[in-house]
Amino acid sequence: MLTAGAFAASLFSRSALAKKGAEPALLLAQKAPDDLDVSRYLVSEKFDGVRAYWDGQHMWTRQGQPIAVPADIAAQLPAKALDGELWMGRGRFEETSAAVRRAEPRAAEWAQLHYMVFELPAAPGSFEQRYAALRELLASPIWPGLRVVEQVRVGDRHQLDARLADTVRGGGEGLVLHEASAPYLSGRSPALLKLKPQDDDEAVVIAHEPGEGRFHGLMGALLVRNAAGRTFRIGTGFSEAQRRSPPPVGATITYRYRGLTSSGLPRFASFLRQSES
């Protein structure tokens, strides 16, 4: 049986990713249920950034694509695996995404980026113990953009909802809840929950539908399929530029919705953004 360190190394080694084109085996959040026992979780802000995995030498997106980190910044990151979000600030996802996608990084953009780290994958123990180890590791970072995401406990659901309201009022996306006693896990798990005022999910684009009326000559809607296998249209939430150059067939997009119909389709689905590849 692999030790925690060997397991993390086998999952996240650069050579494995380069040879297989594998996605890093990261922990992904589920929607928080209504009957949540908040005492079991550490709570943090959900950052509207680009998920980034540092394997100790190189950085990767959630889908296993390399991120070009400026050499001077890469030299200041620890030789240990880190998981977090590259983030410029609330409401700046598009700028963050553009900066991270560049094959040649721009110093001016990376000067505005923060690497908000919330996990130390190779460390043993519970999430609460790994969080303590992460704070110790990054207590005095050389690169000022390297930050540990604050994790706190809340007393009850009322306090949690109040914290969510404060975060959203300030321009934040929502909250993340990580089970304090959880070992290191990967895949979508109830050990990691997201709490937002609106639901969101991902779907794959399977077709473009032409626009009519004022959208004549542009994309009118995307036909998409989500992880549950449901196929549906998304026709709102797009800028004119996005209608002129829509996410391609095969791309993964994130959409917002308000609950599900009796047949399991998302209500009022609206385009949010194209997910990072």
C-alpha atoms as a PDB file:
ATOM      1  CA  MET A   1       0.000   0.000   0.000  1.00  0.00           C
ATOM      2  CA  LEU A   2       1.357   3.464  -0.898  1.00  0.00           C
ATOM      3  CA  THR A   3       2.255   5.903   1.852  1.00  0.00           C
ATOM      4  CA  ALA A   4       0.595   9.341   1.702  1.00  0.00           C
ATOM      5  CA  GLY A   5       3.781  10.853   0.283  1.00  0.00           C
ATOM      6  CA  ALA A   6       4.306   8.153  -2.320  1.00  0.00           C
ATOM      7  CA  PHE A   7       0.636   8.287  -3.282  1.00  0.00           C
ATOM      8  CA  ALA A   8       0.805  12.050  -3.872  1.00  0.00           C
ATOM      9  CA  ALA A   9       4.045  11.709  -5.803  1.00  0.00           C
ATOM     10  CA  SER A  10       2.556   9.013  -8.037  1.00  0.00           C
ATOM     11  CA  LEU A  11      -0.494  11.171  -8.757  1.00  0.00           C
ATOM     12  CA  PHE A  12       1.209  14.455  -9.369  1.00  0.00           C
ATOM     13  CA  SER A  13       4.651  13.802 -10.800  1.00  0.00           C
ATOM     14  CA  ARG A  14       5.412  15.923 -13.844  1.00  0.00           C
ATOM     15  CA  SER A  15       6.626  12.913 -15.794  1.00  0.00           C
ATOM     16  CA  ALA A  16       3.317  11.069 -15.309  1.00  0.00           C
ATOM     17  CA  LEU A  17       1.353  14.094 -16.480  1.00  0.00           C
ATOM     18  CA  ALA A  18       3.611  14.708 -19.463  1.00  0.00           C
ATOM     19  CA  LYS A  19       3.509  11.095 -20.660  1.00  0.00           C
ATOM     20  CA  LYS A  20      -0.181  10.398 -20.141  1.00  0.00           C
ATOM     21  CA  GLY A  21      -1.708  13.861 -20.378  1.00  0.00           C
ATOM     22  CA  ALA A  22      -3.385  12.977 -17.075  1.00  0.00           C
ATOM     23  CA  GLU A  23      -5.437  15.378 -15.022  1.00  0.00           C
ATOM     24  CA  PRO A  24      -4.161  15.906 -11.462  1.00  0.00           C
ATOM     25  CA  ALA A  25      -6.302  13.835  -9.097  1.00  0.00           C
ATOM     26  CA  LEU A  26      -7.670  16.786  -7.152  1.00  0.00           C
ATOM     27  CA  LEU A  27     -10.497  16.977  -4.641  1.00  0.00           C
ATOM     28  CA  LEU A  28     -13.635  18.555  -6.161  1.00  0.00           C
ATOM     29  CA  ALA A  29     -16.536  20.121  -4.293  1.00  0.00           C
ATOM     30  CA  GLN A  30     -20.156  19.031  -4.093  1.00  0.00           C
ATOM     31  CA  LYS A  31     -23.114  21.296  -3.390  1.00  0.00           C
ATOM     32  CA  ALA A  32     -23.686  21.745   0.350  1.00  0.00           C
ATOM     33  CA  PRO A  33     -26.863  20.016   1.565  1.00  0.00           C
ATOM     34  CA  ASP A  34     -29.526  21.828   3.561  1.00  0.00           C
ATOM     35  CA  ASP A  35     -29.064  19.552   6.606  1.00  0.00           C
ATOM     36  CA  LEU A  36     -25.423  20.514   7.054  1.00  0.00           C
ATOM     37  CA  ASP A  37     -23.604  19.812  10.339  1.00  0.00           C
ATOM     38  CA  VAL A  38     -21.305  22.856  10.293  1.00  0.00           C
ATOM     39  CA  SER A  39     -19.313  21.662  13.318  1.00  0.00           C
ATOM     40  CA  ARG A  40     -17.528  19.114  11.108  1.00  0.00           C
ATOM     41  CA  TYR A  41     -16.053  21.669   8.699  1.00  0.00           C
ATOM     42  CA  LEU A  42     -13.434  24.357   8.277  1.00  0.00           C
ATOM     43  CA  VAL A  43     -14.786  27.239   6.206  1.00  0.00           C
ATOM     44  CA  SER A  44     -13.054  29.495   3.670  1.00  0.00           C
ATOM     45  CA  GLU A  45     -13.974  31.841   0.829  1.00  0.00           C
ATOM     46  CA  LYS A  46     -14.593  30.296  -2.596  1.00  0.00           C
ATOM     47  CA  PHE A  47     -12.206  32.208  -4.841  1.00  0.00           C
ATOM     48  CA  ASP A  48     -13.223  33.028  -8.401  1.00  0.00           C
ATOM     49  CA  GLY A  49      -9.867  32.086  -9.890  1.00  0.00           C
ATOM     50  CA  VAL A  50      -8.092  29.337 -11.824  1.00  0.00           C
ATOM     51  CA  ARG A  51      -7.396  26.066  -9.992  1.00  0.00           C
ATOM     52  CA  ALA A  52      -3.642  25.489 -10.007  1.00  0.00           C
ATOM     53  CA  TYR A  53      -1.614  22.494  -8.835  1.00  0.00           C
ATOM     54  CA  TRP A  54       2.106  22.965  -8.083  1.00  0.00           C
ATOM     55  CA  ASP A  55       3.919  19.614  -8.114  1.00  0.00           C
ATOM     56  CA  GLY A  56       7.104  20.971  -6.543  1.00  0.00           C
ATOM     57  CA  GLN A  57       8.622  21.947  -9.896  1.00  0.00           C
ATOM     58  CA  HIS A  58       5.843  22.859 -12.320  1.00  0.00           C
ATOM     59  CA  MET A  59       2.285  24.171 -12.221  1.00  0.00           C
ATOM     60  CA  TRP A  60      -0.759  22.563 -13.864  1.00  0.00           C
ATOM     61  CA  THR A  61      -4.426  23.348 -14.407  1.00  0.00           C
ATOM     62  CA  ARG A  62      -7.143  21.059 -13.112  1.00  0.00           C
ATOM     63  CA  GLN A  63      -7.292  19.482 -16.589  1.00  0.00           C
ATOM     64  CA  GLY A  64      -3.542  18.753 -16.627  1.00  0.00           C
ATOM     65  CA  GLN A  65      -2.439  21.609 -18.894  1.00  0.00           C
ATOM     66  CA  PRO A  66       0.864  23.330 -17.985  1.00  0.00           C
ATOM     67  CA  ILE A  67       0.796  26.862 -16.560  1.00  0.00           C
ATOM     68  CA  ALA A  68       3.757  29.022 -17.559  1.00  0.00           C
ATOM     69  CA  VAL A  69       4.996  30.483 -14.288  1.00  0.00           C
ATOM     70  CA  PRO A  70       7.670  33.201 -14.478  1.00  0.00           C
ATOM     71  CA  ALA A  71      11.048  31.636 -13.630  1.00  0.00           C
ATOM     72  CA  ASP A  72      11.736  34.045 -10.762  1.00  0.00           C
ATOM     73  CA  ILE A  73       8.404  33.151  -9.114  1.00  0.00           C
ATOM     74  CA  ALA A  74       8.809  29.414  -9.700  1.00  0.00           C
ATOM     75  CA  ALA A  75      12.198  29.610  -7.962  1.00  0.00           C
ATOM     76  CA  GLN A  76      10.461  31.007  -4.868  1.00  0.00           C
ATOM     77  CA  LEU A  77       7.858  28.231  -4.565  1.00  0.00           C
ATOM     78  CA  PRO A  78       8.592  25.287  -2.246  1.00  0.00           C
ATOM     79  CA  ALA A  79       9.687  21.907  -3.553  1.00  0.00           C
ATOM     80  CA  LYS A  80       6.461  20.424  -2.186  1.00  0.00           C
ATOM     81  CA  ALA A  81       3.061  19.792  -3.761  1.00  0.00           C
ATOM     82  CA  LEU A  82       0.530  22.611  -3.279  1.00  0.00           C
ATOM     83  CA  ASP A  83      -3.076  22.967  -4.394  1.00  0.00           C
ATOM     84  CA  GLY A  84      -4.850  26.294  -4.686  1.00  0.00           C
ATOM     85  CA  GLU A  85      -6.246  29.035  -6.930  1.00  0.00           C
ATOM     86  CA  LEU A  86      -4.474  31.662  -8.991  1.00  0.00           C
ATOM     87  CA  TRP A  87      -6.511  34.782  -8.260  1.00  0.00           C
ATOM     88  CA  MET A  88      -6.304  38.510  -8.991  1.00  0.00           C
ATOM     89  CA  GLY A  89      -9.188  39.534  -6.748  1.00  0.00           C
ATOM     90  CA  ARG A  90     -12.955  39.452  -6.588  1.00  0.00           C
ATOM     91  CA  GLY A  91     -14.654  39.954  -9.937  1.00  0.00           C
ATOM     92  CA  ARG A  92     -11.459  39.580 -11.983  1.00  0.00           C
ATOM     93  CA  PHE A  93     -11.806  36.036 -13.324  1.00  0.00           C
ATOM     94  CA  GLU A  94     -11.475  37.006 -16.990  1.00  0.00           C
ATOM     95  CA  GLU A  95      -8.205  38.869 -16.348  1.00  0.00           C
ATOM     96  CA  THR A  96      -6.911  35.976 -14.260  1.00  0.00           C
ATOM     97  CA  SER A  97      -7.831  33.437 -16.917  1.00  0.00           C
ATOM     98  CA  ALA A  98      -6.146  35.456 -19.675  1.00  0.00           C
ATOM     99  CA  ALA A  99      -2.931  35.790 -17.658  1.00  0.00           C
ATOM    100  CA  VAL A 100      -2.783  32.093 -16.762  1.00  0.00           C
ATOM    101  CA  ARG A 101      -3.422  30.899 -20.335  1.00  0.00           C
ATOM    102  CA  ARG A 102      -0.468  32.734 -21.855  1.00  0.00           C
ATOM    103  CA  ALA A 103       2.346  30.554 -23.204  1.00  0.00           C
ATOM    104  CA  GLU A 104       4.742  33.365 -22.266  1.00  0.00           C
ATOM    105  CA  PRO A 105       3.899  34.827 -18.862  1.00  0.00           C
ATOM    106  CA  ARG A 106       3.753  38.596 -18.460  1.00  0.00           C
ATOM    107  CA  ALA A 107       5.504  40.000 -15.401  1.00  0.00           C
ATOM    108  CA  ALA A 108       2.982  42.824 -15.007  1.00  0.00           C
ATOM    109  CA  GLU A 109       0.093  40.343 -14.827  1.00  0.00           C
ATOM    110  CA  TRP A 110       1.837  37.948 -12.437  1.00  0.00           C
ATOM    111  CA  ALA A 111       2.632  40.902 -10.165  1.00  0.00           C
ATOM    112  CA  GLN A 112      -1.142  41.114  -9.633  1.00  0.00           C
ATOM    113  CA  LEU A 113      -1.726  37.370  -9.192  1.00  0.00           C
ATOM    114  CA  HIS A 114      -1.945  35.613  -5.847  1.00  0.00           C
ATOM    115  CA  TYR A 115      -1.554  31.879  -5.398  1.00  0.00           C
ATOM    116  CA  MET A 116      -4.211  31.178  -2.761  1.00  0.00           C
ATOM    117  CA  VAL A 117      -3.133  27.803  -1.362  1.00  0.00           C
ATOM    118  CA  PHE A 118      -5.612  25.635   0.546  1.00  0.00           C
ATOM    119  CA  GLU A 119      -4.096  22.147   0.485  1.00  0.00           C
ATOM    120  CA  LEU A 120      -0.807  20.351   1.156  1.00  0.00           C
ATOM    121  CA  PRO A 121      -1.487  17.047  -0.641  1.00  0.00           C
ATOM    122  CA  ALA A 122       1.561  15.028   0.420  1.00  0.00           C
ATOM    123  CA  ALA A 123       1.226  15.842   4.136  1.00  0.00           C
ATOM    124  CA  PRO A 124      -0.203  13.136   6.412  1.00  0.00           C
ATOM    125  CA  GLY A 125      -3.156  13.390   8.742  1.00  0.00           C
ATOM    126  CA  SER A 126      -6.515  15.116   8.641  1.00  0.00           C
ATOM    127  CA  PHE A 127      -7.297  18.286   6.697  1.00  0.00           C
ATOM    128  CA  GLU A 128      -7.036  20.283   9.911  1.00  0.00           C
ATOM    129  CA  GLN A 129      -3.550  18.847  10.483  1.00  0.00           C
ATOM    130  CA  ARG A 130      -2.520  19.485   6.885  1.00  0.00           C
ATOM    131  CA  TYR A 131      -3.771  23.069   7.187  1.00  0.00           C
ATOM    132  CA  ALA A 132      -1.554  23.567  10.256  1.00  0.00           C
ATOM    133  CA  ALA A 133       1.413  22.103   8.358  1.00  0.00           C
ATOM    134  CA  LEU A 134       0.649  24.374   5.392  1.00  0.00           C
ATOM    135  CA  ARG A 135       0.607  27.467   7.601  1.00  0.00           C
ATOM    136  CA  GLU A 136       3.951  26.440   9.070  1.00  0.00           C
ATOM    137  CA  LEU A 137       5.470  25.761   5.626  1.00  0.00           C
ATOM    138  CA  LEU A 138       4.353  29.119   4.204  1.00  0.00           C
ATOM    139  CA  ALA A 139       4.731  31.223   7.353  1.00  0.00           C
ATOM    140  CA  SER A 140       7.350  33.420   5.661  1.00  0.00           C
ATOM    141  CA  PRO A 141       6.899  33.106   1.885  1.00  0.00           C
ATOM    142  CA  ILE A 142       9.562  34.618  -0.346  1.00  0.00           C
ATOM    143  CA  TRP A 143       7.056  35.480  -3.072  1.00  0.00           C
ATOM    144  CA  PRO A 144       4.470  37.898  -1.608  1.00  0.00           C
ATOM    145  CA  GLY A 145       1.804  36.489  -3.926  1.00  0.00           C
ATOM    146  CA  LEU A 146       1.942  33.118  -2.143  1.00  0.00           C
ATOM    147  CA  ARG A 147      -0.800  33.031   0.496  1.00  0.00           C
ATOM    148  CA  VAL A 148      -2.473  30.442   2.684  1.00  0.00           C
ATOM    149  CA  VAL A 149      -6.269  30.534   2.490  1.00  0.00           C
ATOM    150  CA  GLU A 150      -7.742  31.259   5.905  1.00  0.00           C
ATOM    151  CA  GLN A 151      -9.796  28.371   7.304  1.00  0.00           C
ATOM    152  CA  VAL A 152     -12.172  29.029  10.224  1.00  0.00           C
ATOM    153  CA  ARG A 153     -14.815  27.225  12.224  1.00  0.00           C
ATOM    154  CA  VAL A 154     -18.321  28.620  12.601  1.00  0.00           C
ATOM    155  CA  GLY A 155     -20.679  27.919  15.476  1.00  0.00           C
ATOM    156  CA  ASP A 156     -23.892  27.077  13.652  1.00  0.00           C
ATOM    157  CA  ARG A 157     -25.827  27.381  10.386  1.00  0.00           C
ATOM    158  CA  HIS A 158     -26.958  30.912  11.252  1.00  0.00           C
ATOM    159  CA  GLN A 159     -23.327  32.060  11.534  1.00  0.00           C
ATOM    160  CA  LEU A 160     -22.461  30.237   8.322  1.00  0.00           C
ATOM    161  CA  ASP A 161     -25.282  31.950   6.407  1.00  0.00           C
ATOM    162  CA  ALA A 162     -24.234  35.318   7.825  1.00  0.00           C
ATOM    163  CA  ARG A 163     -20.679  34.716   6.672  1.00  0.00           C
ATOM    164  CA  LEU A 164     -21.942  33.762   3.216  1.00  0.00           C
ATOM    165  CA  ALA A 165     -24.038  36.934   3.011  1.00  0.00           C
ATOM    166  CA  ASP A 166     -21.046  39.092   4.012  1.00  0.00           C
ATOM    167  CA  THR A 167     -18.826  37.392   1.416  1.00  0.00           C
ATOM    168  CA  VAL A 168     -21.337  37.799  -1.410  1.00  0.00           C
ATOM    169  CA  ARG A 169     -22.103  41.388  -0.410  1.00  0.00           C
ATOM    170  CA  GLY A 170     -18.389  42.151  -0.727  1.00  0.00           C
ATOM    171  CA  GLY A 171     -18.240  40.700  -4.243  1.00  0.00           C
ATOM    172  CA  GLY A 172     -17.192  37.146  -3.365  1.00  0.00           C
ATOM    173  CA  GLU A 173     -18.575  33.997  -5.009  1.00  0.00           C
ATOM    174  CA  GLY A 174     -19.419  31.974  -1.938  1.00  0.00           C
ATOM    175  CA  LEU A 175     -17.869  29.652   0.639  1.00  0.00           C
ATOM    176  CA  VAL A 176     -16.035  26.320   0.680  1.00  0.00           C
ATOM    177  CA  LEU A 177     -16.396  23.839   3.535  1.00  0.00           C
ATOM    178  CA  HIS A 178     -13.731  21.159   4.021  1.00  0.00           C
ATOM    179  CA  GLU A 179     -14.340  18.365   6.510  1.00  0.00           C
ATOM    180  CA  ALA A 180     -11.753  18.916   9.232  1.00  0.00           C
ATOM    181  CA  SER A 181     -11.154  15.211   9.904  1.00  0.00           C
ATOM    182  CA  ALA A 182     -10.903  14.145   6.246  1.00  0.00           C
ATOM    183  CA  PRO A 183      -7.746  12.431   4.956  1.00  0.00           C
ATOM    184  CA  TYR A 184      -6.381  13.567   1.605  1.00  0.00           C
ATOM    185  CA  LEU A 185      -8.935  12.578  -1.042  1.00  0.00           C
ATOM    186  CA  SER A 186      -9.434  13.081  -4.770  1.00  0.00           C
ATOM    187  CA  GLY A 187     -12.482  13.220  -7.015  1.00  0.00           C
ATOM    188  CA  ARG A 188     -15.863  14.742  -6.152  1.00  0.00           C
ATOM    189  CA  SER A 189     -16.561  14.098  -2.482  1.00  0.00           C
ATOM    190  CA  PRO A 190     -18.836  15.262   0.363  1.00  0.00           C
ATOM    191  CA  ALA A 191     -15.619  16.004   2.276  1.00  0.00           C
ATOM    192  CA  LEU A 192     -15.519  19.251   0.256  1.00  0.00           C
ATOM    193  CA  LEU A 193     -18.669  21.350  -0.150  1.00  0.00           C
ATOM    194  CA  LYS A 194     -19.473  24.632  -1.881  1.00  0.00           C
ATOM    195  CA  LEU A 195     -22.087  27.047  -0.608  1.00  0.00           C
ATOM    196  CA  LYS A 196     -23.298  29.758  -2.976  1.00  0.00           C
ATOM    197  CA  PRO A 197     -26.443  31.871  -3.361  1.00  0.00           C
ATOM    198  CA  GLN A 198     -26.960  30.260  -6.787  1.00  0.00           C
ATOM    199  CA  ASP A 199     -26.175  26.722  -7.896  1.00  0.00           C
ATOM    200  CA  ASP A 200     -23.602  26.118 -10.595  1.00  0.00           C
ATOM    201  CA  ASP A 201     -22.324  23.104 -12.493  1.00  0.00           C
ATOM    202  CA  GLU A 202     -20.286  22.146 -15.535  1.00  0.00           C
ATOM    203  CA  ALA A 203     -21.370  20.792 -18.923  1.00  0.00           C
ATOM    204  CA  VAL A 204     -19.730  19.916 -22.237  1.00  0.00           C
ATOM    205  CA  VAL A 205     -20.707  21.792 -25.403  1.00  0.00           C
ATOM    206  CA  ILE A 206     -22.118  19.385 -28.006  1.00  0.00           C
ATOM    207  CA  ALA A 207     -23.510  21.861 -30.583  1.00  0.00           C
ATOM    208  CA  HIS A 208     -24.075  25.530 -31.455  1.00  0.00           C
ATOM    209  CA  GLU A 209     -27.520  26.796 -32.367  1.00  0.00           C
ATOM    210  CA  PRO A 210     -27.744  29.846 -34.683  1.00  0.00           C
ATOM    211  CA  GLY A 211     -29.206  33.069 -33.390  1.00  0.00           C
ATOM    212  CA  GLU A 212     -32.351  34.758 -34.605  1.00  0.00           C
ATOM    213  CA  GLY A 213     -33.575  38.358 -34.585  1.00  0.00           C
ATOM    214  CA  ARG A 214     -30.971  40.609 -32.974  1.00  0.00           C
ATOM    215  CA  PHE A 215     -28.646  37.617 -32.697  1.00  0.00           C
ATOM    216  CA  HIS A 216     -28.876  36.787 -36.423  1.00  0.00           C
ATOM    217  CA  GLY A 217     -25.424  35.733 -37.647  1.00  0.00           C
ATOM    218  CA  LEU A 218     -24.280  34.999 -34.089  1.00  0.00           C
ATOM    219  CA  MET A 219     -24.519  32.005 -31.781  1.00  0.00           C
ATOM    220  CA  GLY A 220     -28.011  31.884 -30.301  1.00  0.00           C
ATOM    221  CA  ALA A 221     -27.595  29.060 -27.777  1.00  0.00           C
ATOM    222  CA  LEU A 222     -25.305  26.214 -26.754  1.00  0.00           C
ATOM    223  CA  LEU A 223     -26.532  22.656 -26.647  1.00  0.00           C
ATOM    224  CA  VAL A 224     -24.730  21.023 -23.722  1.00  0.00           C
ATOM    225  CA  ARG A 225     -24.601  17.794 -21.737  1.00  0.00           C
ATOM    226  CA  ASN A 226     -23.846  17.719 -18.000  1.00  0.00           C
ATOM    227  CA  ALA A 227     -22.257  14.969 -15.895  1.00  0.00           C
ATOM    228  CA  ALA A 228     -25.685  13.494 -15.166  1.00  0.00           C
ATOM    229  CA  GLY A 229     -26.125  12.918 -18.908  1.00  0.00           C
ATOM    230  CA  ARG A 230     -28.835  15.575 -19.263  1.00  0.00           C
ATOM    231  CA  THR A 231     -28.874  17.506 -22.532  1.00  0.00           C
ATOM    232  CA  PHE A 232     -30.278  21.058 -22.580  1.00  0.00           C
ATOM    233  CA  ARG A 233     -29.891  24.512 -24.135  1.00  0.00           C
ATOM    234  CA  ILE A 234     -28.195  27.554 -22.634  1.00  0.00           C
ATOM    235  CA  GLY A 235     -29.169  30.771 -24.392  1.00  0.00           C
ATOM    236  CA  THR A 236     -28.512  33.501 -21.804  1.00  0.00           C
ATOM    237  CA  GLY A 237     -25.519  34.959 -19.994  1.00  0.00           C
ATOM    238  CA  PHE A 238     -23.379  35.565 -23.098  1.00  0.00           C
ATOM    239  CA  SER A 239     -21.728  38.820 -24.138  1.00  0.00           C
ATOM    240  CA  GLU A 240     -21.837  39.796 -27.824  1.00  0.00           C
ATOM    241  CA  ALA A 241     -18.149  38.852 -28.112  1.00  0.00           C
ATOM    242  CA  GLN A 242     -18.905  35.397 -26.705  1.00  0.00           C
ATOM    243  CA  ARG A 243     -21.764  34.981 -29.193  1.00  0.00           C
ATOM    244  CA  ARG A 244     -19.377  35.884 -32.022  1.00  0.00           C
ATOM    245  CA  SER A 245     -16.758  33.436 -30.765  1.00  0.00           C
ATOM    246  CA  PRO A 246     -18.567  30.884 -28.580  1.00  0.00           C
ATOM    247  CA  PRO A 247     -16.938  28.050 -26.615  1.00  0.00           C
ATOM    248  CA  PRO A 248     -16.105  25.330 -29.156  1.00  0.00           C
ATOM    249  CA  VAL A 249     -17.768  21.944 -29.352  1.00  0.00           C
ATOM    250  CA  GLY A 250     -16.064  19.734 -26.787  1.00  0.00           C
ATOM    251  CA  ALA A 251     -15.272  22.614 -24.413  1.00  0.00           C
ATOM    252  CA  THR A 252     -16.380  22.495 -20.785  1.00  0.00           C
ATOM    253  CA  ILE A 253     -18.423  25.442 -19.570  1.00  0.00           C
ATOM    254  CA  THR A 254     -19.750  26.490 -16.171  1.00  0.00           C
ATOM    255  CA  TYR A 255     -23.394  27.517 -15.896  1.00  0.00           C
ATOM    256  CA  ARG A 256     -25.630  28.861 -13.150  1.00  0.00           C
ATOM    257  CA  TYR A 257     -29.123  27.575 -12.451  1.00  0.00           C
ATOM    258  CA  ARG A 258     -31.896  27.670  -9.855  1.00  0.00           C
ATOM    259  CA  GLY A 259     -32.672  24.136  -8.800  1.00  0.00           C
ATOM    260  CA  LEU A 260     -33.858  21.243 -10.946  1.00  0.00           C
ATOM    261  CA  THR A 261     -37.115  20.402 -12.693  1.00  0.00           C
ATOM    262  CA  SER A 262     -39.012  17.199 -11.880  1.00  0.00           C
ATOM    263  CA  SER A 263     -37.192  15.574 -14.819  1.00  0.00           C
ATOM    264  CA  GLY A 264     -33.774  16.599 -13.490  1.00  0.00           C
ATOM    265  CA  LEU A 265     -33.044  19.490 -15.862  1.00  0.00           C
ATOM    266  CA  PRO A 266     -31.508  22.689 -14.473  1.00  0.00           C
ATOM    267  CA  ARG A 267     -33.961  25.599 -14.171  1.00  0.00           C
ATOM    268  CA  PHE A 268     -33.047  28.946 -15.766  1.00  0.00           C
ATOM    269  CA  ALA A 269     -29.590  27.766 -16.854  1.00  0.00           C
ATOM    270  CA  SER A 270     -27.332  30.729 -17.701  1.00  0.00           C
ATOM    271  CA  PHE A 271     -23.783  30.736 -19.079  1.00  0.00           C
ATOM    272  CA  LEU A 272     -21.149  31.802 -16.551  1.00  0.00           C
ATOM    273  CA  ARG A 273     -17.807  31.106 -18.220  1.00  0.00           C
ATOM    274  CA  GLN A 274     -15.732  28.624 -20.171  1.00  0.00           C
ATOM    275  CA  SER A 275     -13.869  26.360 -17.766  1.00  0.00           C
ATOM    276  CA  GLU A 276     -10.071  26.291 -17.919  1.00  0.00           C
ATOM    277  CA  SER A 277      -8.458  23.601 -20.060  1.00  0.00           C
END
